[in-house]
Amino acid sequence: MGYLFAVGAAGLWATLGLLYGELTGELGIGPLTVAFFRAALSFLILAPALFLRARGSLRLRGRDLPLFLAFGLFGIAGFYVVYVYAVMYAGMAIAVVLLYTAPLWVVLISWRFLGERIQKETAIALALAMGGCALVAQVYDPGLVRLNGMGVLLGLGAGLSYALYTVFTKAAVRHYRPWTVMFYSLGFGALFLLPLQSPEEVAAALQGEALVRLLLLALGPTLGAAFLYALALQRLPAGVASTVATLEPVMGVLLAVTVRAERISFPQMIGAGLIITGVVLLSLARADAPP
């Protein structure tokens, strides 16, 4: 069952770009509004469940407030906004692949700021991912780079901001339960995004189809995926669960091609494969590393 939960989490995460594309494209909801409602609705759904079942876990120490404020600003508000724009500019397929550079950004951040050493396997994973990014960005064709450069930069920015999400999560779960961390990070993220909203955009988002999509966004790739992945971690080693979760970009690309009729070139497919291979190698290396 652990594998099924991990695959289910990956499948829900893969729908994120699909919902973003529908909300900003077909329904015309602004990226800042989509990001705000993803955080706000997820927080509002999670809050009563925690108040009823685990109220004691919601205690927050004053000295940890700066950590959660930074988490909300960079790991939630920043990540949610940048990824919506990445889907808009680069398309769902490219955005989901570049998002998956996040584990490699974590390695670089840990090396630069935490003094962690880069092992041989990690260096190989980084090299594969960098080569994959070059192919996804189509650096072999300067004209295409100029045409799609902003989308690629936003995709890499989404990967970096998701890496920060991971770093903040690791720091917070040392002292708090995962759902407590999610509760406060979503709440602060929504608060940071609130001043950026316009009444017209908010009113449009609360209408019919848009509201349904936003609720799906909160229940599916945000809360639902986190719940399934937590169940997977209870039944599988963390390294195995994270490796299975690398199915997410594969599923995301398939959804982009089949549902949204996006096109990716053969070199970009090779690049996506290199990035995913690099992430899998990194995940396996971490699973084999001594505690």
C-alpha atoms as a PDB file:
ATOM      1  CA  MET A   1       0.000   0.000   0.000  1.00  0.00           C
ATOM      2  CA  GLY A   2       2.900   2.358   0.653  1.00  0.00           C
ATOM      3  CA  TYR A   3       3.804   2.374  -3.026  1.00  0.00           C
ATOM      4  CA  LEU A   4       0.199   3.086  -3.994  1.00  0.00           C
ATOM      5  CA  PHE A   5       0.065   6.044  -1.613  1.00  0.00           C
ATOM      6  CA  ALA A   6       3.326   7.434  -3.040  1.00  0.00           C
ATOM      7  CA  VAL A   7       2.092   7.026  -6.622  1.00  0.00           C
ATOM      8  CA  GLY A   8      -1.227   8.627  -5.665  1.00  0.00           C
ATOM      9  CA  ALA A   9       0.594  11.610  -4.162  1.00  0.00           C
ATOM     10  CA  ALA A  10       2.679  11.981  -7.321  1.00  0.00           C
ATOM     11  CA  GLY A  11      -0.477  11.831  -9.443  1.00  0.00           C
ATOM     12  CA  LEU A  12      -2.162  14.580  -7.433  1.00  0.00           C
ATOM     13  CA  TRP A  13       0.947  16.776  -7.542  1.00  0.00           C
ATOM     14  CA  ALA A  14       1.036  16.280 -11.313  1.00  0.00           C
ATOM     15  CA  THR A  15      -2.393  17.921 -11.651  1.00  0.00           C
ATOM     16  CA  LEU A  16      -1.059  21.177 -10.210  1.00  0.00           C
ATOM     17  CA  GLY A  17       0.104  22.575 -13.546  1.00  0.00           C
ATOM     18  CA  LEU A  18      -3.117  21.414 -15.185  1.00  0.00           C
ATOM     19  CA  LEU A  19      -5.271  23.340 -12.706  1.00  0.00           C
ATOM     20  CA  TYR A  20      -2.994  26.377 -12.896  1.00  0.00           C
ATOM     21  CA  GLY A  21      -3.280  26.374 -16.686  1.00  0.00           C
ATOM     22  CA  GLU A  22      -7.074  26.129 -16.609  1.00  0.00           C
ATOM     23  CA  LEU A  23      -7.462  28.867 -13.996  1.00  0.00           C
ATOM     24  CA  THR A  24      -5.125  31.406 -15.605  1.00  0.00           C
ATOM     25  CA  GLY A  25      -5.896  30.428 -19.195  1.00  0.00           C
ATOM     26  CA  GLU A  26      -9.477  29.361 -19.849  1.00  0.00           C
ATOM     27  CA  LEU A  27     -10.954  31.077 -16.771  1.00  0.00           C
ATOM     28  CA  GLY A  28      -8.758  34.191 -16.810  1.00  0.00           C
ATOM     29  CA  ILE A  29      -7.944  34.312 -13.089  1.00  0.00           C
ATOM     30  CA  GLY A  30      -4.768  36.263 -12.304  1.00  0.00           C
ATOM     31  CA  PRO A  31      -1.688  34.364 -11.035  1.00  0.00           C
ATOM     32  CA  LEU A  32      -1.521  36.293  -7.755  1.00  0.00           C
ATOM     33  CA  THR A  33      -5.169  35.485  -7.056  1.00  0.00           C
ATOM     34  CA  VAL A  34      -4.694  31.796  -7.861  1.00  0.00           C
ATOM     35  CA  ALA A  35      -1.693  31.624  -5.524  1.00  0.00           C
ATOM     36  CA  PHE A  36      -3.601  33.406  -2.749  1.00  0.00           C
ATOM     37  CA  PHE A  37      -6.649  31.144  -2.925  1.00  0.00           C
ATOM     38  CA  ARG A  38      -4.497  28.013  -3.029  1.00  0.00           C
ATOM     39  CA  ALA A  39      -2.915  29.007   0.283  1.00  0.00           C
ATOM     40  CA  ALA A  40      -6.049  30.513   1.862  1.00  0.00           C
ATOM     41  CA  LEU A  41      -8.487  27.711   1.003  1.00  0.00           C
ATOM     42  CA  SER A  42      -5.993  25.030   2.033  1.00  0.00           C
ATOM     43  CA  PHE A  43      -5.523  26.829   5.360  1.00  0.00           C
ATOM     44  CA  LEU A  44      -9.282  27.193   5.914  1.00  0.00           C
ATOM     45  CA  ILE A  45      -9.876  23.500   5.166  1.00  0.00           C
ATOM     46  CA  LEU A  46      -7.002  22.338   7.369  1.00  0.00           C
ATOM     47  CA  ALA A  47      -7.750  24.641  10.328  1.00  0.00           C
ATOM     48  CA  PRO A  48     -11.003  23.062  11.639  1.00  0.00           C
ATOM     49  CA  ALA A  49      -9.582  19.551  11.270  1.00  0.00           C
ATOM     50  CA  LEU A  50      -6.577  20.433  13.425  1.00  0.00           C
ATOM     51  CA  PHE A  51      -8.648  22.389  15.951  1.00  0.00           C
ATOM     52  CA  LEU A  52     -10.969  19.409  16.419  1.00  0.00           C
ATOM     53  CA  ARG A  53      -8.410  16.581  16.382  1.00  0.00           C
ATOM     54  CA  ALA A  54      -5.036  18.019  17.396  1.00  0.00           C
ATOM     55  CA  ARG A  55      -5.495  21.403  19.045  1.00  0.00           C
ATOM     56  CA  GLY A  56      -2.525  20.846  21.319  1.00  0.00           C
ATOM     57  CA  SER A  57      -0.184  20.575  18.339  1.00  0.00           C
ATOM     58  CA  LEU A  58      -0.942  24.167  17.290  1.00  0.00           C
ATOM     59  CA  ARG A  59       1.124  25.770  20.043  1.00  0.00           C
ATOM     60  CA  LEU A  60       3.837  27.935  18.501  1.00  0.00           C
ATOM     61  CA  ARG A  61       6.916  29.081  20.398  1.00  0.00           C
ATOM     62  CA  GLY A  62       7.640  32.790  20.032  1.00  0.00           C
ATOM     63  CA  ARG A  63      11.257  32.191  19.025  1.00  0.00           C
ATOM     64  CA  ASP A  64      10.085  30.120  16.052  1.00  0.00           C
ATOM     65  CA  LEU A  65       7.856  32.881  14.669  1.00  0.00           C
ATOM     66  CA  PRO A  66      10.585  34.313  12.353  1.00  0.00           C
ATOM     67  CA  LEU A  67      11.084  30.851  10.840  1.00  0.00           C
ATOM     68  CA  PHE A  68       7.397  30.482  10.011  1.00  0.00           C
ATOM     69  CA  LEU A  69       7.165  34.050   8.710  1.00  0.00           C
ATOM     70  CA  ALA A  70      10.073  33.366   6.350  1.00  0.00           C
ATOM     71  CA  PHE A  71       8.482  30.037   5.396  1.00  0.00           C
ATOM     72  CA  GLY A  72       5.205  31.751   4.556  1.00  0.00           C
ATOM     73  CA  LEU A  73       6.899  34.500   2.550  1.00  0.00           C
ATOM     74  CA  PHE A  74       9.426  32.503   0.535  1.00  0.00           C
ATOM     75  CA  GLY A  75       8.302  28.865   0.759  1.00  0.00           C
ATOM     76  CA  ILE A  76       4.572  29.451   0.230  1.00  0.00           C
ATOM     77  CA  ALA A  77       3.835  32.905  -1.231  1.00  0.00           C
ATOM     78  CA  GLY A  78       7.010  33.031  -3.329  1.00  0.00           C
ATOM     79  CA  PHE A  79       6.796  29.450  -4.554  1.00  0.00           C
ATOM     80  CA  TYR A  80       3.079  29.531  -5.349  1.00  0.00           C
ATOM     81  CA  VAL A  81       3.354  32.781  -7.338  1.00  0.00           C
ATOM     82  CA  VAL A  82       6.496  31.884  -9.293  1.00  0.00           C
ATOM     83  CA  TYR A  83       5.157  28.465 -10.282  1.00  0.00           C
ATOM     84  CA  VAL A  84       1.880  29.890 -11.595  1.00  0.00           C
ATOM     85  CA  TYR A  85       3.853  32.309 -13.771  1.00  0.00           C
ATOM     86  CA  ALA A  86       6.153  29.475 -14.896  1.00  0.00           C
ATOM     87  CA  VAL A  87       3.151  27.476 -16.147  1.00  0.00           C
ATOM     88  CA  MET A  88       1.849  30.590 -17.938  1.00  0.00           C
ATOM     89  CA  TYR A  89       5.128  31.416 -19.695  1.00  0.00           C
ATOM     90  CA  ALA A  90       6.780  28.023 -20.204  1.00  0.00           C
ATOM     91  CA  GLY A  91       3.762  25.725 -20.418  1.00  0.00           C
ATOM     92  CA  MET A  92       2.814  22.932 -18.043  1.00  0.00           C
ATOM     93  CA  ALA A  93       5.244  20.317 -19.402  1.00  0.00           C
ATOM     94  CA  ILE A  94       8.401  22.437 -19.158  1.00  0.00           C
ATOM     95  CA  ALA A  95       7.360  24.025 -15.845  1.00  0.00           C
ATOM     96  CA  VAL A  96       6.808  20.692 -14.084  1.00  0.00           C
ATOM     97  CA  VAL A  97      10.169  19.367 -15.288  1.00  0.00           C
ATOM     98  CA  LEU A  98      12.081  22.478 -14.189  1.00  0.00           C
ATOM     99  CA  LEU A  99      10.232  22.453 -10.863  1.00  0.00           C
ATOM    100  CA  TYR A 100      11.872  19.113 -10.240  1.00  0.00           C
ATOM    101  CA  THR A 101      15.300  20.725 -10.075  1.00  0.00           C
ATOM    102  CA  ALA A 102      14.321  21.558  -6.464  1.00  0.00           C
ATOM    103  CA  PRO A 103      16.262  18.659  -4.829  1.00  0.00           C
ATOM    104  CA  LEU A 104      19.369  19.786  -6.695  1.00  0.00           C
ATOM    105  CA  TRP A 105      18.899  23.357  -5.489  1.00  0.00           C
ATOM    106  CA  VAL A 106      18.675  21.944  -1.945  1.00  0.00           C
ATOM    107  CA  VAL A 107      22.077  20.289  -2.442  1.00  0.00           C
ATOM    108  CA  LEU A 108      23.611  23.549  -3.656  1.00  0.00           C
ATOM    109  CA  ILE A 109      22.064  25.565  -0.809  1.00  0.00           C
ATOM    110  CA  SER A 110      23.258  23.013   1.757  1.00  0.00           C
ATOM    111  CA  TRP A 111      26.772  23.049   0.236  1.00  0.00           C
ATOM    112  CA  ARG A 112      27.018  26.834   0.083  1.00  0.00           C
ATOM    113  CA  PHE A 113      25.392  27.821   3.370  1.00  0.00           C
ATOM    114  CA  LEU A 114      25.491  24.713   5.589  1.00  0.00           C
ATOM    115  CA  GLY A 115      28.930  23.420   4.627  1.00  0.00           C
ATOM    116  CA  GLU A 116      27.681  20.000   3.471  1.00  0.00           C
ATOM    117  CA  ARG A 117      30.021  18.119   1.146  1.00  0.00           C
ATOM    118  CA  ILE A 118      28.987  17.164  -2.391  1.00  0.00           C
ATOM    119  CA  GLN A 119      29.628  13.452  -2.897  1.00  0.00           C
ATOM    120  CA  LYS A 120      30.571  11.827  -6.215  1.00  0.00           C
ATOM    121  CA  GLU A 121      27.045  10.526  -6.842  1.00  0.00           C
ATOM    122  CA  THR A 122      25.609  13.946  -6.057  1.00  0.00           C
ATOM    123  CA  ALA A 123      28.012  15.631  -8.482  1.00  0.00           C
ATOM    124  CA  ILE A 124      26.934  13.226 -11.238  1.00  0.00           C
ATOM    125  CA  ALA A 125      23.265  13.949 -10.476  1.00  0.00           C
ATOM    126  CA  LEU A 126      23.939  17.696 -10.657  1.00  0.00           C
ATOM    127  CA  ALA A 127      25.761  17.339 -13.981  1.00  0.00           C
ATOM    128  CA  LEU A 128      22.906  15.310 -15.478  1.00  0.00           C
ATOM    129  CA  ALA A 129      20.332  17.834 -14.293  1.00  0.00           C
ATOM    130  CA  MET A 130      22.319  20.803 -15.600  1.00  0.00           C
ATOM    131  CA  GLY A 131      22.654  19.138 -18.999  1.00  0.00           C
ATOM    132  CA  GLY A 132      18.938  18.374 -18.933  1.00  0.00           C
ATOM    133  CA  CYS A 133      18.100  21.991 -18.124  1.00  0.00           C
ATOM    134  CA  ALA A 134      20.215  23.130 -21.072  1.00  0.00           C
ATOM    135  CA  LEU A 135      18.249  20.865 -23.421  1.00  0.00           C
ATOM    136  CA  VAL A 136      14.896  21.882 -21.946  1.00  0.00           C
ATOM    137  CA  ALA A 137      15.908  25.531 -22.379  1.00  0.00           C
ATOM    138  CA  GLN A 138      16.922  24.747 -25.994  1.00  0.00           C
ATOM    139  CA  VAL A 139      20.288  26.512 -25.638  1.00  0.00           C
ATOM    140  CA  TYR A 140      21.316  25.003 -28.980  1.00  0.00           C
ATOM    141  CA  ASP A 141      18.939  27.457 -30.700  1.00  0.00           C
ATOM    142  CA  PRO A 142      19.525  31.117 -29.662  1.00  0.00           C
ATOM    143  CA  GLY A 143      16.238  32.164 -31.244  1.00  0.00           C
ATOM    144  CA  LEU A 144      14.259  29.748 -29.080  1.00  0.00           C
ATOM    145  CA  VAL A 145      16.202  30.814 -25.985  1.00  0.00           C
ATOM    146  CA  ARG A 146      15.176  34.418 -26.581  1.00  0.00           C
ATOM    147  CA  LEU A 147      11.586  33.343 -27.223  1.00  0.00           C
ATOM    148  CA  ASN A 148      11.240  31.123 -24.144  1.00  0.00           C
ATOM    149  CA  GLY A 149      13.950  32.508 -21.851  1.00  0.00           C
ATOM    150  CA  MET A 150      11.526  34.044 -19.357  1.00  0.00           C
ATOM    151  CA  GLY A 151       9.594  30.791 -19.024  1.00  0.00           C
ATOM    152  CA  VAL A 152      12.782  28.821 -18.362  1.00  0.00           C
ATOM    153  CA  LEU A 153      13.964  31.346 -15.762  1.00  0.00           C
ATOM    154  CA  LEU A 154      10.583  31.193 -14.029  1.00  0.00           C
ATOM    155  CA  GLY A 155      10.686  27.389 -14.084  1.00  0.00           C
ATOM    156  CA  LEU A 156      14.129  27.385 -12.473  1.00  0.00           C
ATOM    157  CA  GLY A 157      12.878  30.018 -10.022  1.00  0.00           C
ATOM    158  CA  ALA A 158      10.011  27.693  -9.112  1.00  0.00           C
ATOM    159  CA  GLY A 159      12.542  24.935  -8.483  1.00  0.00           C
ATOM    160  CA  LEU A 160      14.600  27.258  -6.269  1.00  0.00           C
ATOM    161  CA  SER A 161      11.573  28.478  -4.301  1.00  0.00           C
ATOM    162  CA  TYR A 162      10.387  24.884  -3.852  1.00  0.00           C
ATOM    163  CA  ALA A 163      13.859  24.047  -2.576  1.00  0.00           C
ATOM    164  CA  LEU A 164      13.428  26.790   0.028  1.00  0.00           C
ATOM    165  CA  TYR A 165      10.070  25.202   0.920  1.00  0.00           C
ATOM    166  CA  THR A 166      11.947  21.937   1.536  1.00  0.00           C
ATOM    167  CA  VAL A 167      14.675  23.604   3.613  1.00  0.00           C
ATOM    168  CA  PHE A 168      12.119  25.443   5.764  1.00  0.00           C
ATOM    169  CA  THR A 169      10.108  22.241   6.230  1.00  0.00           C
ATOM    170  CA  LYS A 170      13.176  20.314   7.394  1.00  0.00           C
ATOM    171  CA  ALA A 171      13.960  23.044   9.911  1.00  0.00           C
ATOM    172  CA  ALA A 172      10.384  23.245  11.219  1.00  0.00           C
ATOM    173  CA  VAL A 173       9.616  19.517  11.573  1.00  0.00           C
ATOM    174  CA  ARG A 174      12.443  19.168  14.095  1.00  0.00           C
ATOM    175  CA  HIS A 175      10.116  20.718  16.676  1.00  0.00           C
ATOM    176  CA  TYR A 176       6.602  20.527  15.149  1.00  0.00           C
ATOM    177  CA  ARG A 177       4.359  17.963  13.503  1.00  0.00           C
ATOM    178  CA  PRO A 178       4.131  18.145   9.677  1.00  0.00           C
ATOM    179  CA  TRP A 179       0.478  19.252   9.713  1.00  0.00           C
ATOM    180  CA  THR A 180       1.291  21.990  12.229  1.00  0.00           C
ATOM    181  CA  VAL A 181       4.055  23.217   9.931  1.00  0.00           C
ATOM    182  CA  MET A 182       1.647  23.203   7.001  1.00  0.00           C
ATOM    183  CA  PHE A 183      -1.012  25.039   9.004  1.00  0.00           C
ATOM    184  CA  TYR A 184       1.213  27.982   9.927  1.00  0.00           C
ATOM    185  CA  SER A 185       3.116  28.197   6.645  1.00  0.00           C
ATOM    186  CA  LEU A 186      -0.116  28.277   4.628  1.00  0.00           C
ATOM    187  CA  GLY A 187      -1.656  30.831   6.975  1.00  0.00           C
ATOM    188  CA  PHE A 188       1.305  33.200   6.825  1.00  0.00           C
ATOM    189  CA  GLY A 189       1.654  32.656   3.074  1.00  0.00           C
ATOM    190  CA  ALA A 190      -1.978  33.659   2.544  1.00  0.00           C
ATOM    191  CA  LEU A 191      -1.481  36.748   4.727  1.00  0.00           C
ATOM    192  CA  PHE A 192       1.512  37.870   2.658  1.00  0.00           C
ATOM    193  CA  LEU A 193      -0.485  37.440  -0.569  1.00  0.00           C
ATOM    194  CA  LEU A 194      -3.645  39.133   0.735  1.00  0.00           C
ATOM    195  CA  PRO A 195      -2.500  42.780   0.173  1.00  0.00           C
ATOM    196  CA  LEU A 196      -1.760  41.944  -3.480  1.00  0.00           C
ATOM    197  CA  GLN A 197      -5.384  41.055  -4.254  1.00  0.00           C
ATOM    198  CA  SER A 198      -7.867  43.235  -6.103  1.00  0.00           C
ATOM    199  CA  PRO A 199     -11.600  43.090  -5.267  1.00  0.00           C
ATOM    200  CA  GLU A 200     -12.448  42.387  -8.925  1.00  0.00           C
ATOM    201  CA  GLU A 201     -10.083  39.404  -9.144  1.00  0.00           C
ATOM    202  CA  VAL A 202     -11.311  37.977  -5.844  1.00  0.00           C
ATOM    203  CA  ALA A 203     -14.949  38.325  -6.943  1.00  0.00           C
ATOM    204  CA  ALA A 204     -14.186  36.549 -10.230  1.00  0.00           C
ATOM    205  CA  ALA A 205     -12.388  33.733  -8.409  1.00  0.00           C
ATOM    206  CA  LEU A 206     -15.410  33.083  -6.189  1.00  0.00           C
ATOM    207  CA  GLN A 207     -17.700  32.406  -9.152  1.00  0.00           C
ATOM    208  CA  GLY A 208     -18.834  28.954 -10.327  1.00  0.00           C
ATOM    209  CA  GLU A 209     -16.196  27.045 -12.270  1.00  0.00           C
ATOM    210  CA  ALA A 210     -13.293  29.091 -10.940  1.00  0.00           C
ATOM    211  CA  LEU A 211     -14.222  28.351  -7.328  1.00  0.00           C
ATOM    212  CA  VAL A 212     -14.588  24.634  -8.100  1.00  0.00           C
ATOM    213  CA  ARG A 213     -11.093  24.578  -9.653  1.00  0.00           C
ATOM    214  CA  LEU A 214      -9.643  26.466  -6.688  1.00  0.00           C
ATOM    215  CA  LEU A 215     -11.210  24.007  -4.244  1.00  0.00           C
ATOM    216  CA  LEU A 216      -9.767  21.138  -6.293  1.00  0.00           C
ATOM    217  CA  LEU A 217      -6.405  22.901  -6.141  1.00  0.00           C
ATOM    218  CA  ALA A 218      -6.578  22.991  -2.342  1.00  0.00           C
ATOM    219  CA  LEU A 219      -7.981  19.490  -1.841  1.00  0.00           C
ATOM    220  CA  GLY A 220      -5.902  17.724  -4.510  1.00  0.00           C
ATOM    221  CA  PRO A 221      -2.283  18.734  -5.121  1.00  0.00           C
ATOM    222  CA  THR A 222      -2.006  20.719  -1.873  1.00  0.00           C
ATOM    223  CA  LEU A 223      -3.676  18.834   1.011  1.00  0.00           C
ATOM    224  CA  GLY A 224      -4.564  15.518  -0.624  1.00  0.00           C
ATOM    225  CA  ALA A 225      -1.076  14.889  -1.984  1.00  0.00           C
ATOM    226  CA  ALA A 226       0.499  15.802   1.361  1.00  0.00           C
ATOM    227  CA  PHE A 227      -1.839  13.384   3.160  1.00  0.00           C
ATOM    228  CA  LEU A 228      -1.086  10.487   0.784  1.00  0.00           C
ATOM    229  CA  TYR A 229       2.644  11.150   0.943  1.00  0.00           C
ATOM    230  CA  ALA A 230       2.502  11.155   4.757  1.00  0.00           C
ATOM    231  CA  LEU A 231       0.785   7.742   4.610  1.00  0.00           C
ATOM    232  CA  ALA A 232       3.475   6.527   2.210  1.00  0.00           C
ATOM    233  CA  LEU A 233       6.237   7.664   4.591  1.00  0.00           C
ATOM    234  CA  GLN A 234       4.619   5.632   7.381  1.00  0.00           C
ATOM    235  CA  ARG A 235       4.992   2.479   5.266  1.00  0.00           C
ATOM    236  CA  LEU A 236       8.140   3.078   3.189  1.00  0.00           C
ATOM    237  CA  PRO A 237      11.666   4.370   3.845  1.00  0.00           C
ATOM    238  CA  ALA A 238      11.915   8.085   3.035  1.00  0.00           C
ATOM    239  CA  GLY A 239      14.383   7.446   0.194  1.00  0.00           C
ATOM    240  CA  VAL A 240      12.056   4.926  -1.464  1.00  0.00           C
ATOM    241  CA  ALA A 241       9.004   7.188  -1.119  1.00  0.00           C
ATOM    242  CA  SER A 242      10.826  10.185  -2.602  1.00  0.00           C
ATOM    243  CA  THR A 243      12.109   8.058  -5.500  1.00  0.00           C
ATOM    244  CA  VAL A 244       8.584   6.838  -6.305  1.00  0.00           C
ATOM    245  CA  ALA A 245       7.411  10.466  -6.130  1.00  0.00           C
ATOM    246  CA  THR A 246       9.686  11.296  -9.074  1.00  0.00           C
ATOM    247  CA  LEU A 247       6.855   9.915 -11.195  1.00  0.00           C
ATOM    248  CA  GLU A 248       5.283  13.360 -10.758  1.00  0.00           C
ATOM    249  CA  PRO A 249       7.094  15.119 -13.651  1.00  0.00           C
ATOM    250  CA  VAL A 250       6.483  12.116 -15.914  1.00  0.00           C
ATOM    251  CA  MET A 251       2.762  12.226 -15.124  1.00  0.00           C
ATOM    252  CA  GLY A 252       2.767  16.014 -15.468  1.00  0.00           C
ATOM    253  CA  VAL A 253       4.314  15.887 -18.937  1.00  0.00           C
ATOM    254  CA  LEU A 254       1.828  13.195 -20.009  1.00  0.00           C
ATOM    255  CA  LEU A 255      -1.077  15.338 -18.783  1.00  0.00           C
ATOM    256  CA  ALA A 256       0.323  18.378 -20.582  1.00  0.00           C
ATOM    257  CA  VAL A 257       0.631  16.504 -23.867  1.00  0.00           C
ATOM    258  CA  THR A 258      -2.653  14.570 -23.703  1.00  0.00           C
ATOM    259  CA  VAL A 259      -4.994  17.024 -21.948  1.00  0.00           C
ATOM    260  CA  ARG A 260      -3.576  20.435 -22.853  1.00  0.00           C
ATOM    261  CA  ALA A 261      -2.188  19.379 -26.255  1.00  0.00           C
ATOM    262  CA  GLU A 262       1.221  20.904 -25.498  1.00  0.00           C
ATOM    263  CA  ARG A 263       4.157  20.002 -27.715  1.00  0.00           C
ATOM    264  CA  ILE A 264       7.706  19.331 -26.585  1.00  0.00           C
ATOM    265  CA  SER A 265      10.610  18.639 -28.915  1.00  0.00           C
ATOM    266  CA  PHE A 266      12.698  15.470 -28.866  1.00  0.00           C
ATOM    267  CA  PRO A 267      15.753  17.232 -27.335  1.00  0.00           C
ATOM    268  CA  GLN A 268      13.492  18.625 -24.604  1.00  0.00           C
ATOM    269  CA  MET A 269      12.235  15.101 -23.891  1.00  0.00           C
ATOM    270  CA  ILE A 270      15.852  13.956 -23.553  1.00  0.00           C
ATOM    271  CA  GLY A 271      16.517  16.904 -21.245  1.00  0.00           C
ATOM    272  CA  ALA A 272      13.511  16.035 -19.092  1.00  0.00           C
ATOM    273  CA  GLY A 273      14.793  12.465 -18.852  1.00  0.00           C
ATOM    274  CA  LEU A 274      18.229  13.682 -17.737  1.00  0.00           C
ATOM    275  CA  ILE A 275      16.724  15.887 -15.013  1.00  0.00           C
ATOM    276  CA  ILE A 276      14.522  13.073 -13.702  1.00  0.00           C
ATOM    277  CA  THR A 277      17.474  10.642 -13.812  1.00  0.00           C
ATOM    278  CA  GLY A 278      19.568  13.111 -11.837  1.00  0.00           C
ATOM    279  CA  VAL A 279      16.862  13.478  -9.200  1.00  0.00           C
ATOM    280  CA  VAL A 280      16.445   9.687  -8.913  1.00  0.00           C
ATOM    281  CA  LEU A 281      20.226   9.235  -8.520  1.00  0.00           C
ATOM    282  CA  LEU A 282      20.267  11.909  -5.836  1.00  0.00           C
ATOM    283  CA  SER A 283      17.350  10.277  -4.023  1.00  0.00           C
ATOM    284  CA  LEU A 284      19.040   6.854  -4.134  1.00  0.00           C
ATOM    285  CA  ALA A 285      22.332   8.335  -2.923  1.00  0.00           C
ATOM    286  CA  ARG A 286      20.554   9.888   0.059  1.00  0.00           C
ATOM    287  CA  ALA A 287      18.776   6.622   0.817  1.00  0.00           C
ATOM    288  CA  ASP A 288      22.135   4.786   0.924  1.00  0.00           C
ATOM    289  CA  ALA A 289      23.910   7.478   2.944  1.00  0.00           C
ATOM    290  CA  PRO A 290      24.708   6.708   6.591  1.00  0.00           C
ATOM    291  CA  PRO A 291      22.476   8.463   9.153  1.00  0.00           C
END
